[in-house]
Amino acid sequence: MRTIENQTFDEERALYGSNDILVKNCSFDGPADGESAFKESADVQVEHSFFNLRYPFWHDHGLKIRGSEMTELCRAALWYSDHIEITDTRLHGIKALRECSKVKMCGCDIVSPEFGWSVQDIEMEDCDAESEYFMMRSAKLHFTNVRMKGKYSFQYIEDSVFENCMFDTKDAFWHAKNVVIRDSVIKGEYLAWYCENVTFENCKIIGTQPLCYCKGLKLINCEMIDCDLAFERSEVQATITTPVISIKNPLSGRIIVPVVGEIIRDIPGTKGEIVVMEEAKKQEARTCDCA
């Protein structure tokens, strides 16, 4: 493996087509303002380097990036690449990851609108992200201990698992399919409309009008905080452990809830069962007294 160390590159395609190289303590910045530093490269390792120019990693195969920084000017940093590992790195340019596959990220700080579009098979652990349209149209995501803030996240994703995460994001998981979210906190308006086969397990859901127009929706031992007009026209099986402000026109299935402030049924054909445990206990007590 060839080592390139302590150098600055600012020309166009500075290391184009490189193979089997280690780049350490280098800077990709300067007046020439060149693009595509590592385009069409393979088996590249980058350590403790600085990226302030556009499109550095396109069409790369076998890429390891560690302890590095990609600034706001480092637009569209990784596209059309595969077998990628990114560790302890800042990704602060727009559209930082797109059309990539076989990606592992750990300990990264992401500030990147439109991050992660059309990515296949990504593992993310112990990362922080701020984004809009985060991970749109991606599949096979496995996120653990990820903290995300933004809008319109995880839309149209498929076949994914999220564990011990914290998401503060409106319009999350719209049109998602075959997704499991466990032991997580999801805060935001209009959660997971139009999703299909999505399961929330031991989660805390916060915000208005969640989980409407869903198919095959499941909630297992979940808290719902400040949730009103929930489950409109959804096919749902839910066990909720906290009071809900209001439930509106569930299409089918069964919702078990300790207390609900209001049940709204103003559309024919919405026949989802709502079991209010406090009322059921009162009814059982009255039945026992009569006996």
Protein backbone atom coordinates (compact mmCIF):
# COMPACT_ATOMS: atom_id res chain seq x y z
CA MET A 1 0.00 0.00 0.00
CA ARG A 2 1.34 3.41 -1.02
CA THR A 3 1.20 6.12 1.66
CA ILE A 4 0.55 9.80 0.91
CA GLU A 5 1.09 11.99 3.94
CA ASN A 6 1.08 15.68 4.96
CA GLN A 7 0.22 17.05 1.54
CA THR A 8 -2.28 19.58 0.15
CA PHE A 9 -4.21 18.99 -3.07
CA ASP A 10 -6.44 21.50 -4.85
CA GLU A 11 -6.26 20.43 -8.49
CA GLU A 12 -8.99 18.66 -10.49
CA ARG A 13 -9.08 14.87 -9.93
CA ALA A 14 -5.96 15.04 -7.80
CA LEU A 15 -5.79 11.30 -7.06
CA TYR A 16 -8.09 10.03 -9.81
CA GLY A 17 -8.10 6.28 -10.36
CA SER A 18 -5.90 5.52 -7.35
CA ASN A 19 -5.66 1.98 -5.99
CA ASP A 20 -4.42 0.59 -2.70
CA ILE A 21 -3.39 3.88 -1.09
CA LEU A 22 -3.31 5.31 2.44
CA VAL A 23 -3.83 9.07 2.69
CA LYS A 24 -2.88 10.59 6.08
CA ASN A 25 -3.02 14.14 7.39
CA CYS A 26 -3.74 15.61 3.97
CA SER A 27 -5.82 18.62 2.95
CA PHE A 28 -8.03 18.87 -0.13
CA ASP A 29 -8.37 22.62 -0.40
CA GLY A 30 -6.91 25.58 -2.23
CA PRO A 31 -7.22 28.21 -4.95
CA ALA A 32 -7.43 25.81 -7.90
CA ASP A 33 -10.80 24.67 -6.44
CA GLY A 34 -10.59 21.27 -8.11
CA GLU A 35 -13.24 18.55 -7.91
CA SER A 36 -13.47 14.74 -7.74
CA ALA A 37 -10.20 14.05 -5.90
CA PHE A 38 -10.62 10.25 -5.61
CA LYS A 39 -13.01 9.51 -8.46
CA GLU A 40 -12.92 5.96 -9.87
CA SER A 41 -10.59 4.70 -7.12
CA ALA A 42 -10.44 1.44 -5.16
CA ASP A 43 -9.10 0.21 -1.82
CA VAL A 44 -8.52 3.68 -0.42
CA GLN A 45 -7.89 4.50 3.24
CA VAL A 46 -8.10 8.09 4.48
CA GLU A 47 -7.06 9.18 7.98
CA HIS A 48 -7.19 12.58 9.69
CA SER A 49 -7.69 14.54 6.50
CA PHE A 50 -9.56 17.72 5.58
CA PHE A 51 -11.97 18.07 2.64
CA ASN A 52 -13.12 21.51 1.51
CA LEU A 53 -13.71 20.73 -2.19
CA ARG A 54 -16.59 19.08 -4.05
CA TYR A 55 -17.35 15.46 -5.01
CA PRO A 56 -14.26 13.74 -3.54
CA PHE A 57 -15.47 10.11 -3.50
CA TRP A 58 -17.48 9.11 -6.59
CA HIS A 59 -17.54 5.63 -8.13
CA ASP A 60 -15.16 4.25 -5.49
CA HIS A 61 -14.97 0.62 -4.34
CA GLY A 62 -13.54 -0.21 -0.92
CA LEU A 63 -13.20 2.98 1.08
CA LYS A 64 -12.25 3.62 4.71
CA ILE A 65 -12.41 7.12 6.16
CA ARG A 66 -11.38 7.80 9.75
CA GLY A 67 -11.06 10.90 11.92
CA SER A 68 -11.61 13.31 9.04
CA GLU A 69 -13.65 16.43 8.25
CA MET A 70 -15.83 17.29 5.26
CA THR A 71 -16.89 20.95 5.39
CA GLU A 72 -20.01 22.71 4.09
CA LEU A 73 -18.17 23.28 0.81
CA CYS A 74 -17.57 19.55 0.39
CA ARG A 75 -20.79 18.94 -1.53
CA ALA A 76 -22.02 15.50 -2.55
CA ALA A 77 -19.02 13.80 -0.96
CA LEU A 78 -19.84 10.12 -1.56
CA TRP A 79 -21.89 9.01 -4.56
CA TYR A 80 -22.14 5.74 -6.50
CA SER A 81 -19.66 3.98 -4.20
CA ASP A 82 -19.70 0.70 -2.25
CA HIS A 83 -18.07 -1.12 0.65
CA ILE A 84 -17.55 2.02 2.70
CA GLU A 85 -16.54 2.47 6.35
CA ILE A 86 -16.68 5.95 7.92
CA THR A 87 -15.57 6.41 11.54
CA ASP A 88 -15.32 9.47 13.80
CA THR A 89 -15.80 11.85 10.89
CA ARG A 90 -17.71 15.09 10.27
CA LEU A 91 -19.87 15.14 7.16
CA HIS A 92 -21.17 18.70 6.86
CA GLY A 93 -21.78 19.14 3.14
CA ILE A 94 -25.15 18.83 1.42
CA LYS A 95 -26.07 15.47 -0.14
CA ALA A 96 -23.14 13.73 1.52
CA LEU A 97 -24.15 10.14 0.74
CA ARG A 98 -26.18 8.98 -2.27
CA GLU A 99 -26.63 5.88 -4.43
CA CYS A 100 -24.14 3.95 -2.29
CA SER A 101 -24.20 0.41 -0.87
CA LYS A 102 -22.59 -1.65 1.88
CA VAL A 103 -21.95 1.31 4.20
CA LYS A 104 -20.90 1.31 7.86
CA MET A 105 -20.80 4.51 9.91
CA CYS A 106 -19.78 4.88 13.55
CA GLY A 107 -19.24 7.92 15.75
CA CYS A 108 -19.95 10.42 12.97
CA ASP A 109 -21.42 13.92 13.06
CA ILE A 110 -23.71 14.59 10.09
CA VAL A 111 -25.04 18.02 9.14
CA SER A 112 -26.24 17.42 5.61
CA PRO A 113 -29.57 18.14 3.90
CA GLU A 114 -30.70 15.34 1.60
CA PHE A 115 -28.31 12.86 3.19
CA GLY A 116 -28.43 9.18 2.29
CA TRP A 117 -30.80 9.04 -0.67
CA SER A 118 -31.18 5.67 -2.41
CA VAL A 119 -28.61 3.91 -0.21
CA GLN A 120 -28.70 0.12 0.08
CA ASP A 121 -27.51 -1.74 3.19
CA ILE A 122 -26.22 0.83 5.69
CA GLU A 123 -25.31 0.30 9.34
CA MET A 124 -25.11 3.41 11.51
CA GLU A 125 -24.11 3.39 15.18
CA ASP A 126 -23.52 6.15 17.75
CA CYS A 127 -24.00 8.96 15.25
CA ASP A 128 -25.63 12.40 15.36
CA ALA A 129 -27.45 13.77 12.33
CA GLU A 130 -29.16 17.00 11.32
CA SER A 131 -30.84 16.81 7.94
CA GLU A 132 -33.90 17.23 5.73
CA TYR A 133 -35.22 14.31 3.68
CA PHE A 134 -32.76 12.07 5.57
CA MET A 135 -32.28 8.58 4.03
CA MET A 136 -35.10 8.96 1.49
CA ARG A 137 -35.81 5.89 -0.69
CA SER A 138 -33.14 3.80 1.02
CA ALA A 139 -33.37 0.16 2.09
CA LYS A 140 -31.81 -2.25 4.58
CA LEU A 141 -30.96 0.35 7.21
CA HIS A 142 -29.83 -0.83 10.64
CA PHE A 143 -29.44 2.11 13.04
CA THR A 144 -28.35 1.80 16.69
CA ASN A 145 -28.02 4.73 19.12
CA VAL A 146 -28.54 7.32 16.41
CA ARG A 147 -29.79 10.81 17.25
CA MET A 148 -31.42 12.71 14.41
CA LYS A 149 -33.03 16.14 14.10
CA GLY A 150 -34.72 17.58 11.03
CA LYS A 151 -37.70 17.17 8.73
CA TYR A 152 -39.12 14.59 6.32
CA SER A 153 -36.82 11.76 7.38
CA PHE A 154 -36.93 8.07 6.37
CA GLN A 155 -39.54 8.57 3.65
CA TYR A 156 -40.09 5.60 1.33
CA ILE A 157 -37.52 3.42 3.16
CA GLU A 158 -37.89 -0.38 3.24
CA ASP A 159 -36.69 -3.44 5.19
CA SER A 160 -35.04 -1.56 8.05
CA VAL A 161 -34.47 -1.78 11.82
CA PHE A 162 -33.90 1.04 14.33
CA GLU A 163 -32.88 0.41 17.95
CA ASN A 164 -32.30 2.77 20.89
CA CYS A 165 -32.57 5.85 18.69
CA MET A 166 -33.88 9.36 19.27
CA PHE A 167 -35.55 11.17 16.38
CA ASP A 168 -36.90 14.74 16.51
CA THR A 169 -38.34 15.03 13.03
CA LYS A 170 -41.70 15.81 11.47
CA ASP A 171 -43.24 13.73 8.68
CA ALA A 172 -40.94 10.80 9.48
CA PHE A 173 -41.38 7.31 7.98
CA TRP A 174 -43.97 8.33 5.38
CA HIS A 175 -44.63 5.45 2.96
CA ALA A 176 -42.11 3.27 4.85
CA LYS A 177 -42.46 -0.50 4.35
CA ASN A 178 -41.35 -3.44 6.49
CA VAL A 179 -39.71 -1.44 9.27
CA VAL A 180 -39.19 -2.15 13.00
CA ILE A 181 -38.42 0.61 15.53
CA ARG A 182 -37.51 -0.59 19.05
CA ASP A 183 -36.76 1.15 22.35
CA SER A 184 -36.70 4.55 20.70
CA VAL A 185 -38.12 8.07 21.06
CA ILE A 186 -39.80 9.61 18.03
CA LYS A 187 -40.89 13.22 18.36
CA GLY A 188 -42.61 15.16 15.60
CA GLU A 189 -45.82 15.88 13.76
CA TYR A 190 -47.61 13.51 11.37
CA LEU A 191 -45.57 10.39 12.08
CA ALA A 192 -45.51 7.56 9.54
CA TRP A 193 -48.52 8.34 7.38
CA TYR A 194 -49.18 5.85 4.57
CA CYS A 195 -46.68 3.34 5.98
CA GLU A 196 -47.04 -0.43 5.54
CA ASN A 197 -45.99 -3.23 7.91
CA VAL A 198 -44.28 -0.92 10.39
CA THR A 199 -43.88 -1.95 14.05
CA PHE A 200 -43.08 0.30 17.02
CA GLU A 201 -41.98 -1.69 20.08
CA ASN A 202 -41.35 -0.12 23.52
CA CYS A 203 -41.20 3.32 21.94
CA LYS A 204 -42.21 6.79 23.06
CA ILE A 205 -44.17 8.65 20.37
CA ILE A 206 -44.62 12.41 20.80
CA GLY A 207 -46.63 14.80 18.63
CA THR A 208 -49.87 15.54 16.81
CA GLN A 209 -51.75 13.35 14.32
CA PRO A 210 -49.51 10.28 14.25
CA LEU A 211 -49.94 7.04 12.31
CA CYS A 212 -52.71 7.78 9.82
CA TYR A 213 -53.60 5.89 6.63
CA CYS A 214 -51.35 2.97 7.64
CA LYS A 215 -51.55 -0.71 6.68
CA GLY A 216 -50.34 -3.52 8.92
CA LEU A 217 -49.34 -1.10 11.68
CA LYS A 218 -48.34 -2.49 15.11
CA LEU A 219 -47.60 -0.76 18.40
CA ILE A 220 -46.30 -2.95 21.24
CA ASN A 221 -46.16 -1.39 24.72
CA CYS A 222 -45.69 2.13 23.46
CA GLU A 223 -46.15 5.50 25.13
CA MET A 224 -48.00 8.24 23.25
CA ILE A 225 -47.45 11.80 24.50
CA ASP A 226 -49.36 14.87 23.21
CA CYS A 227 -50.92 12.67 20.52
CA ASP A 228 -54.28 13.70 19.10
CA LEU A 229 -56.29 12.57 16.07
CA ALA A 230 -54.25 9.38 16.01
CA PHE A 231 -54.73 6.35 13.72
CA GLU A 232 -57.08 7.96 11.21
CA ARG A 233 -58.07 5.34 8.60
CA SER A 234 -55.31 2.97 9.74
CA GLU A 235 -55.24 -0.82 9.95
CA VAL A 236 -53.69 -1.16 13.40
CA GLN A 237 -52.99 -3.49 16.31
CA ALA A 238 -51.81 -1.39 19.26
CA THR A 239 -51.14 -1.68 22.97
CA ILE A 240 -50.57 1.79 24.42
CA THR A 241 -49.43 2.37 27.99
CA THR A 242 -50.28 6.10 28.38
CA PRO A 243 -53.40 8.24 27.87
CA VAL A 244 -54.09 9.46 24.34
CA ILE A 245 -55.73 12.84 23.66
CA SER A 246 -57.90 11.59 20.82
CA ILE A 247 -58.28 8.69 18.39
CA LYS A 248 -59.99 9.30 15.07
CA ASN A 249 -61.67 6.78 12.75
CA PRO A 250 -59.33 3.77 12.90
CA LEU A 251 -60.18 1.65 9.88
CA SER A 252 -59.69 -1.81 11.38
CA GLY A 253 -57.86 -3.76 14.07
CA ARG A 254 -57.71 -3.23 17.84
CA ILE A 255 -56.31 -0.41 19.96
CA ILE A 256 -55.86 -0.98 23.70
CA VAL A 257 -55.34 2.23 25.64
CA PRO A 258 -55.59 3.07 29.38
CA VAL A 259 -57.44 6.37 28.83
CA VAL A 260 -58.50 8.36 25.79
CA GLY A 261 -59.80 11.91 25.92
CA GLU A 262 -61.98 11.66 22.81
CA ILE A 263 -62.98 8.98 20.34
CA ILE A 264 -64.05 10.44 17.00
CA ARG A 265 -66.16 8.31 14.69
CA ASP A 266 -67.64 10.43 11.93
CA ILE A 267 -66.93 8.32 8.81
CA PRO A 268 -68.90 5.16 7.97
CA GLY A 269 -66.90 1.97 7.65
CA THR A 270 -64.13 2.82 10.08
CA LYS A 271 -64.57 -0.10 12.44
CA GLY A 272 -61.32 -0.37 14.35
CA GLU A 273 -61.97 -1.51 17.93
CA ILE A 274 -60.89 0.78 20.78
CA VAL A 275 -60.58 -0.83 24.19
CA VAL A 276 -60.28 1.74 26.99
CA MET A 277 -58.91 -0.18 29.95
CA GLU A 278 -60.12 2.28 32.60
CA GLU A 279 -63.67 2.05 31.26
CA ALA A 280 -63.40 -1.72 31.02
CA LYS A 281 -62.35 -1.92 34.67
CA LYS A 282 -65.25 0.30 35.72
CA GLN A 283 -67.67 -1.86 33.75
CA GLU A 284 -66.23 -4.99 35.33
CA ALA A 285 -66.61 -3.45 38.79
CA ARG A 286 -70.23 -2.53 38.11
CA THR A 287 -70.91 -6.06 36.89
CA CYS A 288 -69.41 -7.52 40.07
CA ASP A 289 -71.46 -5.17 42.25
CA CYS A 290 -74.64 -6.21 40.51
CA ALA A 291 -73.83 -9.86 41.00
